[in-house]
């Protein structure tokens, strides 16, 4: 597939379930060829429903979307041939080996035995499973299963890759290894990556651009650095040594900037003059006789962006729906191995 054809275009995309529940309510987004696009949102926000529509497992009820230049409604089979998808639950058989999964997946995509062997050797080595390829998957760790699932999504050399919560539950080493492979796919192979994640650090490290969805709407979009810049400059968080001094501490810090979010026992402000103001803050506190137990500078983070745009933190937010699931129970797409 030509490089210029492997982007994603979404216009006024909608998905309404029975009872008038609008999981996705008219979103627009564009993902450029070879870009890693991070798609963030609390559980229940609409992100998994969006992915299911883009990989043709759930039909939209309004709007349009093209993936790799193909309409997801009218050209579903062609879309599925062009994409790879590793969804939240890895569809693996514990009684098959890694190699048997590769052979099965390759056969489903019409690859010959020789093509499967060559592609399998390349992919299993790339994801660090060459030595475990002849072992049954039931003996794999969670990280190994995730990496095998990624390899299977790439067997047919897709131009667009969908990764839905790919590192949930992984240890730091496995997560880092998967990050490296995803980045390599985009930078060296030109694969377009659409990534949903519960980890803001993951989006910050990997994504060229980030979109935040909440209540079915895109509430923010841009590069991680641009989104963080919208929040403002450095914040200062101070914890008084004497809890009774908290109000006086807040009064002093208010001279140096606007209030910011902090822990219940501390006071935080967004410094008008940045980190350079720290020395003046310390001198002023000393002059006022206010002792502090802790003083920290914080650079703006995607967590700050997320909190400002949605009013809640991303990680561990499960007040809507089940884990990573934003579609009503009765309307969820069947669990399939979509690669």
Foldseek 3Di string as FASTA:
>chain_A
DDQQLAKKWWFQWWAADPPRQTLAGTETDIFGFLFAEEEEEAAQQNPVVVVCQQLLLDPTPDTWMDGSNHTCPPPVVVSLLQEFEDAPDQPFDQAAFLLVLLVVLCVVSPHDPVLSVVLVCVLCVLLVNPVRRRPGNVPDDPLVSLSSLVSSSCSSPHQEYEYHASCVPHDPVSVVSVLVSVQCCSPPVRRYYYYYHLDQVSCLVRGQKYWYGGSNYTQDIGGFVVLLVVLPFKKKKFAFPDLVCQVVLQVLCVVFADWDDDDPRITMGRGPVHPVCVVVSVVVCVVVVTHTPDMDIDGGGVQSSCCVRHVDGRPPRDPADDVSHNDPPVPDRDDDSRD
